Amino acid sequence: MRVLVIGGNPAGMSAASRIKRKSPDTEVWVLEKTEEVSYGACGLPYYVAGINDDIDLIRIRKKAEFEASGIHVQLGREAVSADFRGKFVTARLSDGGEECYSYDKLVIASGSSPKAPPIPGIGLKNIFQLKTLLDAQGLKAHPDIDGMVQAIRQGDLQGITGRMENVLETVTVPAHPVIADLKGRMLESGAENSLMSGSGPTVFGIFSEEEKARAAYSRLREENLADRLFLTEPCRNAD
């Protein structure tokens, strides 16, 4: 017997675990759209507020723990259709591909989607939804844009570098560790701060002294961590 569970939230994982405990010979598969399973959403506000700085404390059990008990956990699989006569589910992968999963019994625990209330101002900036661990990480790392603009206008280098943030680093850096290596090398060489630009094609550092910038440039060239390197200087005001 094969049981397929759609949704790796606490309800879905609880169902999968109970089925496996009650019927050890049953083959249990779980499809989860995100890269996370079984976390305590009630702990998200405490993480965002800084009361708890360790997001791992919100994770109840990790994928490896479920798989150790015999449950097949498929992350990054979004169930997009189900053929109840043929008894199979089609899942879309994060890279756009598709996979089909057959079943004898189907458990649907896909959860719900947050709905923005129709209130005035709901579309303004700095309004966020908080439902997933990724939401919490993005909200906590959200850059202080207004403060950054003010620092730029005032020519405040420390104010600029102290507000450098890119929420996409939480997703891109684990997939491409070289980004963290590049940032680390520049910081070790004396950069005030270093940041991944956009979704990751470029990593840059800001230095307060030319000698430090040149030292970082030389080090990165020697270690050959990047395809292309540029050493730039700020635009000088004609006044």
C-alpha atoms as a PDB file:
ATOM      1  CA  MET A   1       0.000   0.000   0.000  1.00  0.00           C
ATOM      2  CA  ARG A   2       1.251   3.468  -0.895  1.00  0.00           C
ATOM      3  CA  VAL A   3      -0.095   6.588   0.822  1.00  0.00           C
ATOM      4  CA  LEU A   4       0.660   9.963  -0.733  1.00  0.00           C
ATOM      5  CA  VAL A   5       0.409  13.102   1.399  1.00  0.00           C
ATOM      6  CA  ILE A   6       0.153  16.512  -0.263  1.00  0.00           C
ATOM      7  CA  GLY A   7       1.602  19.133   2.078  1.00  0.00           C
ATOM      8  CA  GLY A   8       4.544  18.935   4.463  1.00  0.00           C
ATOM      9  CA  ASN A   9       3.015  21.257   7.047  1.00  0.00           C
ATOM     10  CA  PRO A  10       2.452  20.034  10.631  1.00  0.00           C
ATOM     11  CA  ALA A  11      -0.903  18.470   9.674  1.00  0.00           C
ATOM     12  CA  GLY A  12       0.542  16.608   6.708  1.00  0.00           C
ATOM     13  CA  MET A  13       3.618  15.396   8.553  1.00  0.00           C
ATOM     14  CA  SER A  14       1.546  14.359  11.557  1.00  0.00           C
ATOM     15  CA  ALA A  15      -0.664  12.289   9.271  1.00  0.00           C
ATOM     16  CA  ALA A  16       2.349  10.737   7.552  1.00  0.00           C
ATOM     17  CA  SER A  17       4.010   9.894  10.877  1.00  0.00           C
ATOM     18  CA  ARG A  18       0.870   8.371  12.353  1.00  0.00           C
ATOM     19  CA  ILE A  19       0.251   6.225   9.281  1.00  0.00           C
ATOM     20  CA  LYS A  20       3.828   4.955   9.390  1.00  0.00           C
ATOM     21  CA  ARG A  21       3.606   4.167  13.107  1.00  0.00           C
ATOM     22  CA  LYS A  22       0.279   2.345  12.797  1.00  0.00           C
ATOM     23  CA  SER A  23       1.242   0.510   9.606  1.00  0.00           C
ATOM     24  CA  PRO A  24       5.043   0.169   9.289  1.00  0.00           C
ATOM     25  CA  ASP A  25       4.747  -1.755   6.008  1.00  0.00           C
ATOM     26  CA  THR A  26       2.851   1.075   4.308  1.00  0.00           C
ATOM     27  CA  GLU A  27       4.878   3.151   1.866  1.00  0.00           C
ATOM     28  CA  VAL A  28       4.381   6.837   2.774  1.00  0.00           C
ATOM     29  CA  TRP A  29       5.334   9.702   0.471  1.00  0.00           C
ATOM     30  CA  VAL A  30       5.022  13.435   1.142  1.00  0.00           C
ATOM     31  CA  LEU A  31       5.031  16.211  -1.481  1.00  0.00           C
ATOM     32  CA  GLU A  32       5.943  19.684  -0.206  1.00  0.00           C
ATOM     33  CA  LYS A  33       6.118  22.830  -2.340  1.00  0.00           C
ATOM     34  CA  THR A  34       8.721  24.612  -0.195  1.00  0.00           C
ATOM     35  CA  GLU A  35      12.059  23.486   1.215  1.00  0.00           C
ATOM     36  CA  GLU A  36      10.720  23.208   4.771  1.00  0.00           C
ATOM     37  CA  VAL A  37       8.627  20.679   6.684  1.00  0.00           C
ATOM     38  CA  SER A  38       6.972  20.708  10.081  1.00  0.00           C
ATOM     39  CA  TYR A  39       7.703  24.037  11.751  1.00  0.00           C
ATOM     40  CA  GLY A  40       5.859  25.935  14.461  1.00  0.00           C
ATOM     41  CA  ALA A  41       4.314  28.977  12.775  1.00  0.00           C
ATOM     42  CA  CYS A  42       3.356  30.375  16.191  1.00  0.00           C
ATOM     43  CA  GLY A  43       7.068  30.990  16.804  1.00  0.00           C
ATOM     44  CA  LEU A  44       7.546  33.222  13.741  1.00  0.00           C
ATOM     45  CA  PRO A  45       6.659  36.524  15.499  1.00  0.00           C
ATOM     46  CA  TYR A  46       9.214  35.806  18.229  1.00  0.00           C
ATOM     47  CA  TYR A  47      11.912  35.273  15.601  1.00  0.00           C
ATOM     48  CA  VAL A  48      11.036  38.461  13.715  1.00  0.00           C
ATOM     49  CA  ALA A  49      10.961  40.445  16.972  1.00  0.00           C
ATOM     50  CA  GLY A  50      14.419  39.202  17.927  1.00  0.00           C
ATOM     51  CA  ILE A  51      13.238  37.386  21.059  1.00  0.00           C
ATOM     52  CA  ASN A  52      14.517  34.200  19.443  1.00  0.00           C
ATOM     53  CA  ASP A  53      17.423  34.639  17.008  1.00  0.00           C
ATOM     54  CA  ASP A  54      17.775  30.958  16.135  1.00  0.00           C
ATOM     55  CA  ILE A  55      15.296  30.027  13.416  1.00  0.00           C
ATOM     56  CA  ASP A  56      16.165  26.341  13.893  1.00  0.00           C
ATOM     57  CA  LEU A  57      14.234  26.444  17.170  1.00  0.00           C
ATOM     58  CA  ILE A  58      11.055  26.932  15.116  1.00  0.00           C
ATOM     59  CA  ARG A  59      11.711  23.781  13.118  1.00  0.00           C
ATOM     60  CA  ILE A  60       9.965  20.890  14.854  1.00  0.00           C
ATOM     61  CA  ARG A  61      11.575  18.080  12.866  1.00  0.00           C
ATOM     62  CA  LYS A  62      13.805  18.111   9.818  1.00  0.00           C
ATOM     63  CA  LYS A  63      13.512  16.126   6.611  1.00  0.00           C
ATOM     64  CA  ALA A  64      16.250  13.691   7.633  1.00  0.00           C
ATOM     65  CA  GLU A  65      14.396  12.755  10.814  1.00  0.00           C
ATOM     66  CA  PHE A  66      11.234  11.848   8.911  1.00  0.00           C
ATOM     67  CA  GLU A  67      13.197   9.894   6.327  1.00  0.00           C
ATOM     68  CA  ALA A  68      14.946   7.985   9.125  1.00  0.00           C
ATOM     69  CA  SER A  69      11.512   6.728  10.171  1.00  0.00           C
ATOM     70  CA  GLY A  70      10.803   5.483   6.650  1.00  0.00           C
ATOM     71  CA  ILE A  71       8.838   8.432   5.228  1.00  0.00           C
ATOM     72  CA  HIS A  72       9.797   9.625   1.738  1.00  0.00           C
ATOM     73  CA  VAL A  73       9.855  13.429   1.824  1.00  0.00           C
ATOM     74  CA  GLN A  74       9.960  15.195  -1.548  1.00  0.00           C
ATOM     75  CA  LEU A  75      10.727  18.906  -1.143  1.00  0.00           C
ATOM     76  CA  GLY A  76      10.363  21.506  -3.883  1.00  0.00           C
ATOM     77  CA  ARG A  77       7.392  19.610  -5.363  1.00  0.00           C
ATOM     78  CA  GLU A  78       4.149  21.527  -5.845  1.00  0.00           C
ATOM     79  CA  ALA A  79       1.111  19.316  -6.483  1.00  0.00           C
ATOM     80  CA  VAL A  80      -0.609  20.911  -9.495  1.00  0.00           C
ATOM     81  CA  SER A  81      -3.140  18.245 -10.488  1.00  0.00           C
ATOM     82  CA  ALA A  82      -4.599  14.938  -9.349  1.00  0.00           C
ATOM     83  CA  ASP A  83      -6.170  12.143 -11.360  1.00  0.00           C
ATOM     84  CA  PHE A  84      -8.495  10.481  -8.879  1.00  0.00           C
ATOM     85  CA  ARG A  85      -9.467   7.719 -11.329  1.00  0.00           C
ATOM     86  CA  GLY A  86      -5.927   6.872 -12.340  1.00  0.00           C
ATOM     87  CA  LYS A  87      -4.710   7.539  -8.800  1.00  0.00           C
ATOM     88  CA  PHE A  88      -1.705   9.712  -9.485  1.00  0.00           C
ATOM     89  CA  VAL A  89      -0.647  13.280  -8.706  1.00  0.00           C
ATOM     90  CA  THR A  90       1.417  15.541 -10.941  1.00  0.00           C
ATOM     91  CA  ALA A  91       3.953  17.730  -9.160  1.00  0.00           C
ATOM     92  CA  ARG A  92       5.829  20.713 -10.549  1.00  0.00           C
ATOM     93  CA  LEU A  93       9.493  20.985  -9.603  1.00  0.00           C
ATOM     94  CA  SER A  94      11.239  24.209  -8.705  1.00  0.00           C
ATOM     95  CA  ASP A  95      13.128  24.073 -12.023  1.00  0.00           C
ATOM     96  CA  GLY A  96       9.872  23.879 -14.001  1.00  0.00           C
ATOM     97  CA  GLY A  97       9.934  20.139 -14.659  1.00  0.00           C
ATOM     98  CA  GLU A  98       7.191  17.725 -13.635  1.00  0.00           C
ATOM     99  CA  GLU A  99       6.980  14.360 -11.881  1.00  0.00           C
ATOM    100  CA  CYS A 100       4.072  11.962 -11.369  1.00  0.00           C
ATOM    101  CA  TYR A 101       3.407  10.091  -8.138  1.00  0.00           C
ATOM    102  CA  SER A 102       1.010   7.161  -7.925  1.00  0.00           C
ATOM    103  CA  TYR A 103      -0.924   6.270  -4.786  1.00  0.00           C
ATOM    104  CA  ASP A 104      -3.420   3.890  -3.250  1.00  0.00           C
ATOM    105  CA  LYS A 105      -4.621   6.393  -0.644  1.00  0.00           C
ATOM    106  CA  LEU A 106      -4.341  10.178  -0.887  1.00  0.00           C
ATOM    107  CA  VAL A 107      -4.156  12.659   1.989  1.00  0.00           C
ATOM    108  CA  ILE A 108      -4.613  16.334   1.063  1.00  0.00           C
ATOM    109  CA  ALA A 109      -3.073  18.635   3.683  1.00  0.00           C
ATOM    110  CA  SER A 110      -2.069  21.534   1.451  1.00  0.00           C
ATOM    111  CA  GLY A 111      -3.046  24.177   3.993  1.00  0.00           C
ATOM    112  CA  SER A 112      -4.266  27.658   3.141  1.00  0.00           C
ATOM    113  CA  SER A 113      -2.984  30.834   1.528  1.00  0.00           C
ATOM    114  CA  PRO A 114      -2.830  34.178   3.338  1.00  0.00           C
ATOM    115  CA  LYS A 115      -5.433  36.688   2.204  1.00  0.00           C
ATOM    116  CA  ALA A 116      -4.735  40.394   2.397  1.00  0.00           C
ATOM    117  CA  PRO A 117      -7.673  42.245   4.015  1.00  0.00           C
ATOM    118  CA  PRO A 118      -9.278  44.937   1.813  1.00  0.00           C
ATOM    119  CA  ILE A 119      -8.291  47.856   4.027  1.00  0.00           C
ATOM    120  CA  PRO A 120      -6.915  51.281   2.999  1.00  0.00           C
ATOM    121  CA  GLY A 121      -3.153  51.315   2.595  1.00  0.00           C
ATOM    122  CA  ILE A 122      -2.744  47.557   2.210  1.00  0.00           C
ATOM    123  CA  GLY A 123      -0.673  48.107  -0.936  1.00  0.00           C
ATOM    124  CA  LEU A 124       1.812  50.490   0.647  1.00  0.00           C
ATOM    125  CA  LYS A 125       5.471  49.571   1.057  1.00  0.00           C
ATOM    126  CA  ASN A 126       6.745  47.894   4.228  1.00  0.00           C
ATOM    127  CA  ILE A 127       3.582  45.784   4.607  1.00  0.00           C
ATOM    128  CA  PHE A 128       4.381  42.081   4.742  1.00  0.00           C
ATOM    129  CA  GLN A 129       2.702  38.721   5.133  1.00  0.00           C
ATOM    130  CA  LEU A 130       4.087  36.303   7.710  1.00  0.00           C
ATOM    131  CA  LYS A 131       3.251  32.652   7.112  1.00  0.00           C
ATOM    132  CA  THR A 132       6.449  30.752   6.345  1.00  0.00           C
ATOM    133  CA  LEU A 133      10.031  30.599   7.570  1.00  0.00           C
ATOM    134  CA  LEU A 134      11.110  32.317   4.358  1.00  0.00           C
ATOM    135  CA  ASP A 135       8.620  35.139   5.061  1.00  0.00           C
ATOM    136  CA  ALA A 136      10.135  35.555   8.524  1.00  0.00           C
ATOM    137  CA  GLN A 137      13.715  35.602   7.230  1.00  0.00           C
ATOM    138  CA  GLY A 138      12.818  38.138   4.561  1.00  0.00           C
ATOM    139  CA  LEU A 139      10.958  40.367   7.017  1.00  0.00           C
ATOM    140  CA  LYS A 140      13.759  40.298   9.557  1.00  0.00           C
ATOM    141  CA  ALA A 141      16.362  41.088   6.918  1.00  0.00           C
ATOM    142  CA  HIS A 142      14.266  43.740   5.157  1.00  0.00           C
ATOM    143  CA  PRO A 143      16.554  46.666   4.402  1.00  0.00           C
ATOM    144  CA  ASP A 144      16.022  50.121   5.880  1.00  0.00           C
ATOM    145  CA  ILE A 145      15.430  51.866   2.556  1.00  0.00           C
ATOM    146  CA  ASP A 146      14.451  55.239   3.999  1.00  0.00           C
ATOM    147  CA  GLY A 147      17.526  55.245   6.218  1.00  0.00           C
ATOM    148  CA  MET A 148      19.706  54.272   3.265  1.00  0.00           C
ATOM    149  CA  VAL A 149      18.388  57.167   1.157  1.00  0.00           C
ATOM    150  CA  GLN A 150      19.030  59.590   3.990  1.00  0.00           C
ATOM    151  CA  ALA A 151      22.571  58.267   4.501  1.00  0.00           C
ATOM    152  CA  ILE A 152      23.322  58.660   0.793  1.00  0.00           C
ATOM    153  CA  ARG A 153      22.074  62.241   0.810  1.00  0.00           C
ATOM    154  CA  GLN A 154      24.212  63.014   3.847  1.00  0.00           C
ATOM    155  CA  GLY A 155      27.295  61.281   2.456  1.00  0.00           C
ATOM    156  CA  ASP A 156      27.347  59.027   5.529  1.00  0.00           C
ATOM    157  CA  LEU A 157      29.493  56.025   4.552  1.00  0.00           C
ATOM    158  CA  GLN A 158      28.908  54.173   7.825  1.00  0.00           C
ATOM    159  CA  GLY A 159      25.180  54.794   7.522  1.00  0.00           C
ATOM    160  CA  ILE A 160      25.215  53.349   4.006  1.00  0.00           C
ATOM    161  CA  THR A 161      27.280  50.248   4.721  1.00  0.00           C
ATOM    162  CA  GLY A 162      25.426  49.579   7.971  1.00  0.00           C
ATOM    163  CA  ARG A 163      22.143  49.312   6.062  1.00  0.00           C
ATOM    164  CA  MET A 164      23.303  47.103   3.199  1.00  0.00           C
ATOM    165  CA  GLU A 165      20.919  44.133   2.999  1.00  0.00           C
ATOM    166  CA  ASN A 166      19.670  41.751   0.319  1.00  0.00           C
ATOM    167  CA  VAL A 167      16.860  39.419   1.378  1.00  0.00           C
ATOM    168  CA  LEU A 168      17.569  37.128  -1.588  1.00  0.00           C
ATOM    169  CA  GLU A 169      20.873  36.099   0.001  1.00  0.00           C
ATOM    170  CA  THR A 170      18.960  33.714   2.283  1.00  0.00           C
ATOM    171  CA  VAL A 171      17.990  31.727  -0.820  1.00  0.00           C
ATOM    172  CA  THR A 172      20.886  32.290  -3.225  1.00  0.00           C
ATOM    173  CA  VAL A 173      23.911  31.893  -0.932  1.00  0.00           C
ATOM    174  CA  PRO A 174      23.109  28.308   0.191  1.00  0.00           C
ATOM    175  CA  ALA A 175      22.806  27.329  -3.479  1.00  0.00           C
ATOM    176  CA  HIS A 176      25.969  29.191  -4.498  1.00  0.00           C
ATOM    177  CA  PRO A 177      28.441  29.226  -1.547  1.00  0.00           C
ATOM    178  CA  VAL A 178      31.020  31.121  -3.615  1.00  0.00           C
ATOM    179  CA  ILE A 179      28.975  34.267  -2.900  1.00  0.00           C
ATOM    180  CA  ALA A 180      29.701  33.897   0.809  1.00  0.00           C
ATOM    181  CA  ASP A 181      33.364  33.214  -0.012  1.00  0.00           C
ATOM    182  CA  LEU A 182      33.637  36.422  -2.028  1.00  0.00           C
ATOM    183  CA  LYS A 183      31.946  38.472   0.680  1.00  0.00           C
ATOM    184  CA  GLY A 184      34.161  36.932   3.325  1.00  0.00           C
ATOM    185  CA  ARG A 185      37.375  37.670   1.459  1.00  0.00           C
ATOM    186  CA  MET A 186      36.435  41.342   1.024  1.00  0.00           C
ATOM    187  CA  LEU A 187      35.451  41.736   4.669  1.00  0.00           C
ATOM    188  CA  GLU A 188      38.691  40.079   5.757  1.00  0.00           C
ATOM    189  CA  SER A 189      40.544  42.565   3.555  1.00  0.00           C
ATOM    190  CA  GLY A 190      38.956  45.527   5.293  1.00  0.00           C
ATOM    191  CA  ALA A 191      35.694  46.220   3.466  1.00  0.00           C
ATOM    192  CA  GLU A 192      33.164  48.239   5.441  1.00  0.00           C
ATOM    193  CA  ASN A 193      30.579  45.789   4.125  1.00  0.00           C
ATOM    194  CA  SER A 194      29.958  43.444   1.206  1.00  0.00           C
ATOM    195  CA  LEU A 195      26.731  42.487  -0.521  1.00  0.00           C
ATOM    196  CA  MET A 196      25.249  40.339  -3.260  1.00  0.00           C
ATOM    197  CA  SER A 197      23.583  42.517  -5.875  1.00  0.00           C
ATOM    198  CA  GLY A 198      20.099  41.645  -7.127  1.00  0.00           C
ATOM    199  CA  SER A 199      19.620  37.897  -7.411  1.00  0.00           C
ATOM    200  CA  GLY A 200      23.327  37.166  -7.350  1.00  0.00           C
ATOM    201  CA  PRO A 201      25.193  37.973 -10.593  1.00  0.00           C
ATOM    202  CA  THR A 202      27.533  40.376  -8.811  1.00  0.00           C
ATOM    203  CA  VAL A 203      29.114  40.683  -5.369  1.00  0.00           C
ATOM    204  CA  PHE A 204      30.579  44.022  -4.361  1.00  0.00           C
ATOM    205  CA  GLY A 205      32.390  45.515  -1.405  1.00  0.00           C
ATOM    206  CA  ILE A 206      32.680  49.100  -0.175  1.00  0.00           C
ATOM    207  CA  PHE A 207      36.021  50.233   1.236  1.00  0.00           C
ATOM    208  CA  SER A 208      36.903  53.422   3.076  1.00  0.00           C
ATOM    209  CA  GLU A 209      40.564  53.228   2.023  1.00  0.00           C
ATOM    210  CA  GLU A 210      41.999  52.667  -1.446  1.00  0.00           C
ATOM    211  CA  GLU A 211      44.841  50.472  -0.168  1.00  0.00           C
ATOM    212  CA  LYS A 212      42.377  48.013   1.370  1.00  0.00           C
ATOM    213  CA  ALA A 213      40.367  47.877  -1.839  1.00  0.00           C
ATOM    214  CA  ARG A 214      43.490  47.164  -3.885  1.00  0.00           C
ATOM    215  CA  ALA A 215      44.551  44.461  -1.435  1.00  0.00           C
ATOM    216  CA  ALA A 216      41.150  42.777  -1.732  1.00  0.00           C
ATOM    217  CA  TYR A 217      41.314  43.013  -5.534  1.00  0.00           C
ATOM    218  CA  SER A 218      44.748  41.376  -5.597  1.00  0.00           C
ATOM    219  CA  ARG A 219      43.678  38.615  -3.225  1.00  0.00           C
ATOM    220  CA  LEU A 220      40.561  37.777  -5.246  1.00  0.00           C
ATOM    221  CA  ARG A 221      42.588  37.691  -8.461  1.00  0.00           C
ATOM    222  CA  GLU A 222      45.064  35.274  -6.891  1.00  0.00           C
ATOM    223  CA  GLU A 223      42.335  32.972  -5.572  1.00  0.00           C
ATOM    224  CA  ASN A 224      40.387  33.100  -8.853  1.00  0.00           C
ATOM    225  CA  LEU A 225      37.000  32.993  -7.135  1.00  0.00           C
ATOM    226  CA  ALA A 226      35.214  35.199  -9.680  1.00  0.00           C
ATOM    227  CA  ASP A 227      34.944  35.133 -13.458  1.00  0.00           C
ATOM    228  CA  ARG A 228      35.501  38.896 -13.709  1.00  0.00           C
ATOM    229  CA  LEU A 229      36.887  41.436 -11.252  1.00  0.00           C
ATOM    230  CA  PHE A 230      36.629  45.214 -11.254  1.00  0.00           C
ATOM    231  CA  LEU A 231      38.297  47.802  -9.037  1.00  0.00           C
ATOM    232  CA  THR A 232      36.315  51.044  -9.112  1.00  0.00           C
ATOM    233  CA  GLU A 233      36.333  54.382  -7.355  1.00  0.00           C
ATOM    234  CA  PRO A 234      33.438  56.669  -6.400  1.00  0.00           C
ATOM    235  CA  CYS A 235      32.368  59.555  -8.604  1.00  0.00           C
ATOM    236  CA  ARG A 236      33.890  62.786  -7.409  1.00  0.00           C
ATOM    237  CA  ASN A 237      31.645  65.807  -7.036  1.00  0.00           C
ATOM    238  CA  ALA A 238      32.850  68.531  -9.386  1.00  0.00           C
ATOM    239  CA  ASP A 239      32.394  71.083  -6.606  1.00  0.00           C
END
